[in-house]
Amino acid sequence: DRDHASADTRKRVTGVRNDWALGKLSGFAKKFSSAE
């Protein structure tokens, strides 16, 4: 998020290929800080 990575990069790095699932995880990530 900080690096404004593309959707393809996010899928490759996380191994999550489903757009919906990736979107949900991105929503979960917003509820945590990086330090946390």
PDB file of all heavy atoms in Angstrom:
ATOM      1  N   ASP A   1       0.847  -1.202   0.000  1.00  0.00           N
ATOM      2  CA  ASP A   1       0.000   0.000   0.000  1.00  0.00           C
ATOM      3  C   ASP A   1       0.877   1.245   0.000  1.00  0.00           C
ATOM      4  O   ASP A   1       0.630   2.207  -0.734  1.00  0.00           O
ATOM      5  CB  ASP A   1      -0.905   0.014   1.243  1.00  0.00           C
ATOM      6  CG  ASP A   1      -2.197  -0.760   1.027  1.00  0.00           C
ATOM      7  OD1 ASP A   1      -2.534  -1.024  -0.141  1.00  0.00           O
ATOM      8  OD2 ASP A   1      -2.861  -1.101   2.021  1.00  0.00           O
ATOM      9  N   ARG A   2       1.894   1.211   0.837  1.00  0.00           N
ATOM     10  CA  ARG A   2       2.811   2.344   0.938  1.00  0.00           C
ATOM     11  C   ARG A   2       3.542   2.591  -0.381  1.00  0.00           C
ATOM     12  O   ARG A   2       3.781   3.731  -0.781  1.00  0.00           O
ATOM     13  CB  ARG A   2       3.830   2.057   2.049  1.00  0.00           C
ATOM     14  CG  ARG A   2       4.836   3.174   2.332  1.00  0.00           C
ATOM     15  CD  ARG A   2       5.974   2.645   3.182  1.00  0.00           C
ATOM     16  NE  ARG A   2       6.703   1.592   2.472  1.00  0.00           N
ATOM     17  CZ  ARG A   2       7.556   0.754   3.047  1.00  0.00           C
ATOM     18  NH1 ARG A   2       7.757   0.809   4.351  1.00  0.00           N
ATOM     19  NH2 ARG A   2       8.184  -0.166   2.335  1.00  0.00           N
ATOM     20  N   ASP A   3       3.869   1.492  -1.069  1.00  0.00           N
ATOM     21  CA  ASP A   3       4.627   1.603  -2.321  1.00  0.00           C
ATOM     22  C   ASP A   3       3.732   1.701  -3.554  1.00  0.00           C
ATOM     23  O   ASP A   3       4.240   1.727  -4.686  1.00  0.00           O
ATOM     24  CB  ASP A   3       5.549   0.387  -2.472  1.00  0.00           C
ATOM     25  CG  ASP A   3       6.576   0.296  -1.341  1.00  0.00           C
ATOM     26  OD1 ASP A   3       6.878   1.351  -0.750  1.00  0.00           O
ATOM     27  OD2 ASP A   3       7.047  -0.813  -1.053  1.00  0.00           O
ATOM     28  N   HIS A   4       2.399   1.717  -3.351  1.00  0.00           N
ATOM     29  CA  HIS A   4       1.430   1.792  -4.449  1.00  0.00           C
ATOM     30  C   HIS A   4       1.655   0.679  -5.487  1.00  0.00           C
ATOM     31  O   HIS A   4       1.667   0.915  -6.692  1.00  0.00           O
ATOM     32  CB  HIS A   4       1.498   3.159  -5.143  1.00  0.00           C
ATOM     33  CG  HIS A   4       1.328   4.316  -4.195  1.00  0.00           C
ATOM     34  ND1 HIS A   4       0.145   4.590  -3.562  1.00  0.00           N
ATOM     35  CD2 HIS A   4       2.236   5.233  -3.741  1.00  0.00           C
ATOM     36  CE1 HIS A   4       0.294   5.647  -2.778  1.00  0.00           C
ATOM     37  NE2 HIS A   4       1.560   6.054  -2.860  1.00  0.00           N
ATOM     38  N   ALA A   5       1.849  -0.539  -4.986  1.00  0.00           N
ATOM     39  CA  ALA A   5       2.107  -1.685  -5.861  1.00  0.00           C
ATOM     40  C   ALA A   5       0.875  -2.035  -6.689  1.00  0.00           C
ATOM     41  O   ALA A   5      -0.264  -1.803  -6.269  1.00  0.00           O
ATOM     42  CB  ALA A   5       2.539  -2.889  -5.026  1.00  0.00           C
ATOM     43  N   SER A   6       1.105  -2.623  -7.854  1.00  0.00           N
ATOM     44  CA  SER A   6       0.006  -3.018  -8.733  1.00  0.00           C
ATOM     45  C   SER A   6      -0.696  -4.257  -8.181  1.00  0.00           C
ATOM     46  O   SER A   6      -0.160  -4.973  -7.326  1.00  0.00           O
ATOM     47  CB  SER A   6       0.545  -3.325 -10.131  1.00  0.00           C
ATOM     48  OG  SER A   6       1.365  -4.479 -10.099  1.00  0.00           O
ATOM     49  N   ALA A   7      -1.888  -4.525  -8.708  1.00  0.00           N
ATOM     50  CA  ALA A   7      -2.651  -5.705  -8.283  1.00  0.00           C
ATOM     51  C   ALA A   7      -1.885  -6.983  -8.595  1.00  0.00           C
ATOM     52  O   ALA A   7      -1.878  -7.931  -7.795  1.00  0.00           O
ATOM     53  CB  ALA A   7      -4.015  -5.722  -8.960  1.00  0.00           C
ATOM     54  N   ASP A   8      -1.221  -7.033  -9.756  1.00  0.00           N
ATOM     55  CA  ASP A   8      -0.453  -8.226 -10.130  1.00  0.00           C
ATOM     56  C   ASP A   8       0.686  -8.472  -9.143  1.00  0.00           C
ATOM     57  O   ASP A   8       0.965  -9.621  -8.778  1.00  0.00           O
ATOM     58  CB  ASP A   8       0.112  -8.085 -11.544  1.00  0.00           C
ATOM     59  CG  ASP A   8      -0.964  -8.261 -12.610  1.00  0.00           C
ATOM     60  OD1 ASP A   8      -2.040  -8.799 -12.273  1.00  0.00           O
ATOM     61  OD2 ASP A   8      -0.737  -7.858 -13.765  1.00  0.00           O
ATOM     62  N   THR A   9       1.348  -7.400  -8.713  1.00  0.00           N
ATOM     63  CA  THR A   9       2.438  -7.530  -7.747  1.00  0.00           C
ATOM     64  C   THR A   9       1.904  -8.038  -6.413  1.00  0.00           C
ATOM     65  O   THR A   9       2.502  -8.910  -5.776  1.00  0.00           O
ATOM     66  CB  THR A   9       3.150  -6.182  -7.540  1.00  0.00           C
ATOM     67  OG1 THR A   9       3.689  -5.745  -8.784  1.00  0.00           O
ATOM     68  CG2 THR A   9       4.274  -6.302  -6.520  1.00  0.00           C
ATOM     69  N   ARG A  10       0.753  -7.507  -5.985  1.00  0.00           N
ATOM     70  CA  ARG A  10       0.144  -7.948  -4.731  1.00  0.00           C
ATOM     71  C   ARG A  10      -0.198  -9.436  -4.777  1.00  0.00           C
ATOM     72  O   ARG A  10       0.013 -10.169  -3.810  1.00  0.00           O
ATOM     73  CB  ARG A  10      -1.120  -7.137  -4.442  1.00  0.00           C
ATOM     74  CG  ARG A  10      -0.853  -5.672  -4.117  1.00  0.00           C
ATOM     75  CD  ARG A  10      -2.142  -4.852  -4.193  1.00  0.00           C
ATOM     76  NE  ARG A  10      -1.854  -3.433  -4.082  1.00  0.00           N
ATOM     77  CZ  ARG A  10      -1.992  -2.720  -2.964  1.00  0.00           C
ATOM     78  NH1 ARG A  10      -2.422  -3.307  -1.874  1.00  0.00           N
ATOM     79  NH2 ARG A  10      -1.708  -1.436  -2.942  1.00  0.00           N
ATOM     80  N   LYS A  11      -0.725  -9.885  -5.901  1.00  0.00           N
ATOM     81  CA  LYS A  11      -1.079 -11.304  -6.047  1.00  0.00           C
ATOM     82  C   LYS A  11       0.172 -12.175  -6.009  1.00  0.00           C
ATOM     83  O   LYS A  11       0.196 -13.227  -5.379  1.00  0.00           O
ATOM     84  CB  LYS A  11      -1.835 -11.522  -7.353  1.00  0.00           C
ATOM     85  CG  LYS A  11      -3.245 -10.946  -7.357  1.00  0.00           C
ATOM     86  CD  LYS A  11      -3.923 -11.166  -8.703  1.00  0.00           C
ATOM     87  CE  LYS A  11      -5.327 -10.581  -8.718  1.00  0.00           C
ATOM     88  NZ  LYS A  11      -5.997 -10.757 -10.011  1.00  0.00           N
ATOM     89  N   ARG A  12       1.211 -11.718  -6.713  1.00  0.00           N
ATOM     90  CA  ARG A  12       2.438 -12.519  -6.783  1.00  0.00           C
ATOM     91  C   ARG A  12       3.107 -12.618  -5.417  1.00  0.00           C
ATOM     92  O   ARG A  12       3.533 -13.702  -4.998  1.00  0.00           O
ATOM     93  CB  ARG A  12       3.400 -11.889  -7.794  1.00  0.00           C
ATOM     94  CG  ARG A  12       4.756 -12.599  -7.889  1.00  0.00           C
ATOM     95  CD  ARG A  12       5.614 -11.982  -8.970  1.00  0.00           C
ATOM     96  NE  ARG A  12       5.763 -10.552  -8.792  1.00  0.00           N
ATOM     97  CZ  ARG A  12       6.603  -9.986  -7.912  1.00  0.00           C
ATOM     98  NH1 ARG A  12       7.352 -10.745  -7.131  1.00  0.00           N
ATOM     99  NH2 ARG A  12       6.698  -8.676  -7.818  1.00  0.00           N
ATOM    100  N   VAL A  13       3.198 -11.504  -4.698  1.00  0.00           N
ATOM    101  CA  VAL A  13       3.882 -11.480  -3.408  1.00  0.00           C
ATOM    102  C   VAL A  13       3.107 -12.255  -2.343  1.00  0.00           C
ATOM    103  O   VAL A  13       3.678 -13.041  -1.584  1.00  0.00           O
ATOM    104  CB  VAL A  13       4.127 -10.025  -2.944  1.00  0.00           C
ATOM    105  CG1 VAL A  13       4.670  -9.993  -1.515  1.00  0.00           C
ATOM    106  CG2 VAL A  13       5.106  -9.330  -3.895  1.00  0.00           C
ATOM    107  N   THR A  14       1.796 -12.044  -2.282  1.00  0.00           N
ATOM    108  CA  THR A  14       0.995 -12.692  -1.231  1.00  0.00           C
ATOM    109  C   THR A  14       0.585 -14.113  -1.582  1.00  0.00           C
ATOM    110  O   THR A  14       0.272 -14.909  -0.699  1.00  0.00           O
ATOM    111  CB  THR A  14      -0.287 -11.890  -0.949  1.00  0.00           C
ATOM    112  OG1 THR A  14      -1.092 -11.842  -2.144  1.00  0.00           O
ATOM    113  CG2 THR A  14       0.049 -10.473  -0.501  1.00  0.00           C
ATOM    114  N   GLY A  15       0.560 -14.438  -2.888  1.00  0.00           N
ATOM    115  CA  GLY A  15       0.078 -15.754  -3.306  1.00  0.00           C
ATOM    116  C   GLY A  15      -1.429 -15.847  -3.330  1.00  0.00           C
ATOM    117  O   GLY A  15      -1.984 -16.936  -3.516  1.00  0.00           O
ATOM    118  N   VAL A  16      -2.139 -14.709  -3.149  1.00  0.00           N
ATOM    119  CA  VAL A  16      -3.609 -14.677  -3.174  1.00  0.00           C
ATOM    120  C   VAL A  16      -4.036 -14.236  -4.565  1.00  0.00           C
ATOM    121  O   VAL A  16      -3.850 -13.080  -4.953  1.00  0.00           O
ATOM    122  CB  VAL A  16      -4.161 -13.704  -2.113  1.00  0.00           C
ATOM    123  CG1 VAL A  16      -5.691 -13.672  -2.164  1.00  0.00           C
ATOM    124  CG2 VAL A  16      -3.685 -14.117  -0.727  1.00  0.00           C
ATOM    125  N   ARG A  17      -4.653 -15.146  -5.320  1.00  0.00           N
ATOM    126  CA  ARG A  17      -4.962 -14.852  -6.728  1.00  0.00           C
ATOM    127  C   ARG A  17      -6.382 -14.354  -6.950  1.00  0.00           C
ATOM    128  O   ARG A  17      -6.690 -13.782  -7.982  1.00  0.00           O
ATOM    129  CB  ARG A  17      -4.726 -16.113  -7.573  1.00  0.00           C
ATOM    130  CG  ARG A  17      -3.265 -16.549  -7.590  1.00  0.00           C
ATOM    131  CD  ARG A  17      -3.107 -17.938  -8.149  1.00  0.00           C
ATOM    132  NE  ARG A  17      -3.782 -18.900  -7.299  1.00  0.00           N
ATOM    133  CZ  ARG A  17      -4.379 -19.990  -7.742  1.00  0.00           C
ATOM    134  NH1 ARG A  17      -4.417 -20.251  -9.017  1.00  0.00           N
ATOM    135  NH2 ARG A  17      -4.962 -20.828  -6.915  1.00  0.00           N
ATOM    136  N   ASN A  18      -7.241 -14.575  -5.982  1.00  0.00           N
ATOM    137  CA  ASN A  18      -8.639 -14.177  -6.122  1.00  0.00           C
ATOM    138  C   ASN A  18      -8.800 -12.693  -5.798  1.00  0.00           C
ATOM    139  O   ASN A  18      -8.419 -12.239  -4.717  1.00  0.00           O
ATOM    140  CB  ASN A  18      -9.498 -15.034  -5.182  1.00  0.00           C
ATOM    141  CG  ASN A  18     -10.966 -14.686  -5.277  1.00  0.00           C
ATOM    142  OD1 ASN A  18     -11.417 -13.784  -4.604  1.00  0.00           O
ATOM    143  ND2 ASN A  18     -11.689 -15.394  -6.109  1.00  0.00           N
ATOM    144  N   ASP A  19      -9.375 -11.913  -6.726  1.00  0.00           N
ATOM    145  CA  ASP A  19      -9.519 -10.464  -6.540  1.00  0.00           C
ATOM    146  C   ASP A  19     -10.352 -10.136  -5.312  1.00  0.00           C
ATOM    147  O   ASP A  19     -10.028  -9.220  -4.548  1.00  0.00           O
ATOM    148  CB  ASP A  19     -10.153  -9.833  -7.793  1.00  0.00           C
ATOM    149  CG  ASP A  19      -9.230  -9.876  -8.994  1.00  0.00           C
ATOM    150  OD1 ASP A  19      -8.006  -9.799  -8.784  1.00  0.00           O
ATOM    151  OD2 ASP A  19      -9.725  -9.982 -10.131  1.00  0.00           O
ATOM    152  N   TRP A  20     -11.444 -10.864  -5.134  1.00  0.00           N
ATOM    153  CA  TRP A  20     -12.316 -10.610  -3.993  1.00  0.00           C
ATOM    154  C   TRP A  20     -11.584 -10.886  -2.689  1.00  0.00           C
ATOM    155  O   TRP A  20     -11.633 -10.074  -1.754  1.00  0.00           O
ATOM    156  CB  TRP A  20     -13.563 -11.481  -4.106  1.00  0.00           C
ATOM    157  CG  TRP A  20     -14.497 -11.359  -2.949  1.00  0.00           C
ATOM    158  CD1 TRP A  20     -15.421 -10.385  -2.723  1.00  0.00           C
ATOM    159  CD2 TRP A  20     -14.581 -12.259  -1.830  1.00  0.00           C
ATOM    160  NE1 TRP A  20     -16.082 -10.621  -1.537  1.00  0.00           N
ATOM    161  CE2 TRP A  20     -15.597 -11.754  -0.975  1.00  0.00           C
ATOM    162  CE3 TRP A  20     -13.913 -13.430  -1.485  1.00  0.00           C
ATOM    163  CZ2 TRP A  20     -15.941 -12.400   0.211  1.00  0.00           C
ATOM    164  CZ3 TRP A  20     -14.255 -14.072  -0.308  1.00  0.00           C
ATOM    165  CH2 TRP A  20     -15.254 -13.558   0.526  1.00  0.00           C
ATOM    166  N   ALA A  21     -10.901 -12.027  -2.604  1.00  0.00           N
ATOM    167  CA  ALA A  21     -10.169 -12.381  -1.388  1.00  0.00           C
ATOM    168  C   ALA A  21      -9.056 -11.375  -1.115  1.00  0.00           C
ATOM    169  O   ALA A  21      -8.826 -10.984   0.040  1.00  0.00           O
ATOM    170  CB  ALA A  21      -9.595 -13.791  -1.506  1.00  0.00           C
ATOM    171  N   LEU A  22      -8.368 -10.949  -2.177  1.00  0.00           N
ATOM    172  CA  LEU A  22      -7.302  -9.970  -2.010  1.00  0.00           C
ATOM    173  C   LEU A  22      -7.862  -8.636  -1.500  1.00  0.00           C
ATOM    174  O   LEU A  22      -7.260  -7.985  -0.641  1.00  0.00           O
ATOM    175  CB  LEU A  22      -6.570  -9.760  -3.338  1.00  0.00           C
ATOM    176  CG  LEU A  22      -5.254  -8.973  -3.275  1.00  0.00           C
ATOM    177  CD1 LEU A  22      -4.212  -9.747  -2.483  1.00  0.00           C
ATOM    178  CD2 LEU A  22      -4.736  -8.700  -4.685  1.00  0.00           C
ATOM    179  N   GLY A  23      -9.030  -8.264  -2.013  1.00  0.00           N
ATOM    180  CA  GLY A  23      -9.682  -7.045  -1.554  1.00  0.00           C
ATOM    181  C   GLY A  23     -10.068  -7.125  -0.083  1.00  0.00           C
ATOM    182  O   GLY A  23      -9.905  -6.164   0.675  1.00  0.00           O
ATOM    183  N   LYS A  24     -10.582  -8.283   0.330  1.00  0.00           N
ATOM    184  CA  LYS A  24     -10.958  -8.470   1.730  1.00  0.00           C
ATOM    185  C   LYS A  24      -9.725  -8.386   2.634  1.00  0.00           C
ATOM    186  O   LYS A  24      -9.758  -7.742   3.690  1.00  0.00           O
ATOM    187  CB  LYS A  24     -11.644  -9.816   1.920  1.00  0.00           C
ATOM    188  CG  LYS A  24     -13.019  -9.916   1.296  1.00  0.00           C
ATOM    189  CD  LYS A  24     -14.056  -9.086   2.036  1.00  0.00           C
ATOM    190  CE  LYS A  24     -14.460  -9.707   3.344  1.00  0.00           C
ATOM    191  NZ  LYS A  24     -15.525  -8.929   4.034  1.00  0.00           N
ATOM    192  N   LEU A  25      -8.642  -9.037   2.218  1.00  0.00           N
ATOM    193  CA  LEU A  25      -7.416  -9.000   3.018  1.00  0.00           C
ATOM    194  C   LEU A  25      -6.861  -7.576   3.099  1.00  0.00           C
ATOM    195  O   LEU A  25      -6.346  -7.164   4.143  1.00  0.00           O
ATOM    196  CB  LEU A  25      -6.366  -9.943   2.422  1.00  0.00           C
ATOM    197  CG  LEU A  25      -6.579 -11.435   2.670  1.00  0.00           C
ATOM    198  CD1 LEU A  25      -5.554 -12.256   1.910  1.00  0.00           C
ATOM    199  CD2 LEU A  25      -6.506 -11.760   4.159  1.00  0.00           C
ATOM    200  N   SER A  26      -6.975  -6.840   2.001  1.00  0.00           N
ATOM    201  CA  SER A  26      -6.523  -5.442   2.006  1.00  0.00           C
ATOM    202  C   SER A  26      -7.337  -4.633   3.019  1.00  0.00           C
ATOM    203  O   SER A  26      -6.799  -3.762   3.715  1.00  0.00           O
ATOM    204  CB  SER A  26      -6.658  -4.823   0.615  1.00  0.00           C
ATOM    205  OG  SER A  26      -5.797  -5.472  -0.306  1.00  0.00           O
ATOM    206  N   GLY A  27      -8.638  -4.933   3.104  1.00  0.00           N
ATOM    207  CA  GLY A  27      -9.487  -4.279   4.105  1.00  0.00           C
ATOM    208  C   GLY A  27      -9.075  -4.648   5.518  1.00  0.00           C
ATOM    209  O   GLY A  27      -9.037  -3.794   6.415  1.00  0.00           O
ATOM    210  N   PHE A  28      -8.740  -5.931   5.741  1.00  0.00           N
ATOM    211  CA  PHE A  28      -8.274  -6.358   7.061  1.00  0.00           C
ATOM    212  C   PHE A  28      -6.983  -5.628   7.426  1.00  0.00           C
ATOM    213  O   PHE A  28      -6.799  -5.212   8.572  1.00  0.00           O
ATOM    214  CB  PHE A  28      -8.000  -7.870   7.086  1.00  0.00           C
ATOM    215  CG  PHE A  28      -9.195  -8.738   6.814  1.00  0.00           C
ATOM    216  CD1 PHE A  28      -9.012 -10.061   6.402  1.00  0.00           C
ATOM    217  CD2 PHE A  28     -10.487  -8.270   6.951  1.00  0.00           C
ATOM    218  CE1 PHE A  28     -10.092 -10.887   6.152  1.00  0.00           C
ATOM    219  CE2 PHE A  28     -11.581  -9.083   6.698  1.00  0.00           C
ATOM    220  CZ  PHE A  28     -11.386 -10.399   6.295  1.00  0.00           C
ATOM    221  N   ALA A  29      -6.078  -5.507   6.436  1.00  0.00           N
ATOM    222  CA  ALA A  29      -4.763  -4.898   6.682  1.00  0.00           C
ATOM    223  C   ALA A  29      -4.897  -3.462   7.173  1.00  0.00           C
ATOM    224  O   ALA A  29      -4.087  -2.995   7.984  1.00  0.00           O
ATOM    225  CB  ALA A  29      -3.919  -4.950   5.408  1.00  0.00           C
ATOM    226  N   LYS A  30      -5.921  -2.764   6.706  1.00  0.00           N
ATOM    227  CA  LYS A  30      -6.126  -1.367   7.105  1.00  0.00           C
ATOM    228  C   LYS A  30      -6.480  -1.240   8.587  1.00  0.00           C
ATOM    229  O   LYS A  30      -6.375  -0.150   9.172  1.00  0.00           O
ATOM    230  CB  LYS A  30      -7.216  -0.733   6.241  1.00  0.00           C
ATOM    231  CG  LYS A  30      -6.797  -0.453   4.810  1.00  0.00           C
ATOM    232  CD  LYS A  30      -7.926   0.187   4.008  1.00  0.00           C
ATOM    233  CE  LYS A  30      -7.450   0.660   2.637  1.00  0.00           C
ATOM    234  NZ  LYS A  30      -6.955  -0.407   1.790  1.00  0.00           N
ATOM    235  N   LYS A  31      -6.900  -2.333   9.208  1.00  0.00           N
ATOM    236  CA  LYS A  31      -7.274  -2.301  10.621  1.00  0.00           C
ATOM    237  C   LYS A  31      -6.083  -2.564  11.550  1.00  0.00           C
ATOM    238  O   LYS A  31      -6.240  -2.640  12.762  1.00  0.00           O
ATOM    239  CB  LYS A  31      -8.385  -3.319  10.879  1.00  0.00           C
ATOM    240  CG  LYS A  31      -9.666  -3.004  10.100  1.00  0.00           C
ATOM    241  CD  LYS A  31     -10.766  -4.013  10.390  1.00  0.00           C
ATOM    242  CE  LYS A  31     -12.036  -3.673   9.599  1.00  0.00           C
ATOM    243  NZ  LYS A  31     -13.134  -4.608   9.859  1.00  0.00           N
ATOM    244  N   PHE A  32      -4.901  -2.746  10.951  1.00  0.00           N
ATOM    245  CA  PHE A  32      -3.675  -2.933  11.713  1.00  0.00           C
ATOM    246  C   PHE A  32      -2.648  -1.895  11.258  1.00  0.00           C
ATOM    247  O   PHE A  32      -2.654  -1.473  10.104  1.00  0.00           O
ATOM    248  CB  PHE A  32      -3.069  -4.323  11.472  1.00  0.00           C
ATOM    249  CG  PHE A  32      -3.916  -5.476  11.938  1.00  0.00           C
ATOM    250  CD1 PHE A  32      -4.858  -6.056  11.102  1.00  0.00           C
ATOM    251  CD2 PHE A  32      -3.746  -5.997  13.216  1.00  0.00           C
ATOM    252  CE1 PHE A  32      -5.623  -7.138  11.519  1.00  0.00           C
ATOM    253  CE2 PHE A  32      -4.520  -7.079  13.645  1.00  0.00           C
ATOM    254  CZ  PHE A  32      -5.456  -7.644  12.796  1.00  0.00           C
ATOM    255  N   SER A  33      -1.746  -1.537  12.144  1.00  0.00           N
ATOM    256  CA  SER A  33      -0.596  -0.729  11.738  1.00  0.00           C
ATOM    257  C   SER A  33       0.530  -1.674  11.319  1.00  0.00           C
ATOM    258  O   SER A  33       0.540  -2.852  11.699  1.00  0.00           O
ATOM    259  CB  SER A  33      -0.127   0.160  12.885  1.00  0.00           C
ATOM    260  OG  SER A  33       0.432  -0.640  13.915  1.00  0.00           O
ATOM    261  N   SER A  34       1.478  -1.160  10.547  1.00  0.00           N
ATOM    262  CA  SER A  34       2.627  -1.979  10.139  1.00  0.00           C
ATOM    263  C   SER A  34       3.401  -2.443  11.373  1.00  0.00           C
ATOM    264  O   SER A  34       3.852  -3.596  11.442  1.00  0.00           O
ATOM    265  CB  SER A  34       3.550  -1.184   9.216  1.00  0.00           C
ATOM    266  OG  SER A  34       2.929  -0.940   7.979  1.00  0.00           O
ATOM    267  N   ALA A  35       3.553  -1.546  12.346  1.00  0.00           N
ATOM    268  CA  ALA A  35       4.288  -1.894  13.563  1.00  0.00           C
ATOM    269  C   ALA A  35       3.578  -3.008  14.327  1.00  0.00           C
ATOM    270  O   ALA A  35       4.215  -3.920  14.877  1.00  0.00           O
ATOM    271  CB  ALA A  35       4.442  -0.660  14.443  1.00  0.00           C
ATOM    272  N   GLU A  36       2.261  -2.929  14.353  1.00  0.00           N
ATOM    273  CA  GLU A  36       1.465  -3.945  15.050  1.00  0.00           C
ATOM    274  C   GLU A  36       1.625  -5.311  14.392  1.00  0.00           C
ATOM    275  O   GLU A  36       1.819  -6.331  15.063  1.00  0.00           O
ATOM    276  CB  GLU A  36       0.001  -3.514  15.030  1.00  0.00           C
ATOM    277  CG  GLU A  36      -0.913  -4.323  15.919  1.00  0.00           C
ATOM    278  CD  GLU A  36      -2.329  -3.792  15.907  1.00  0.00           C
ATOM    279  OE1 GLU A  36      -2.643  -2.913  15.085  1.00  0.00           O
ATOM    280  OE2 GLU A  36      -3.128  -4.284  16.716  1.00  0.00           O
TER     281      GLU A  36
END
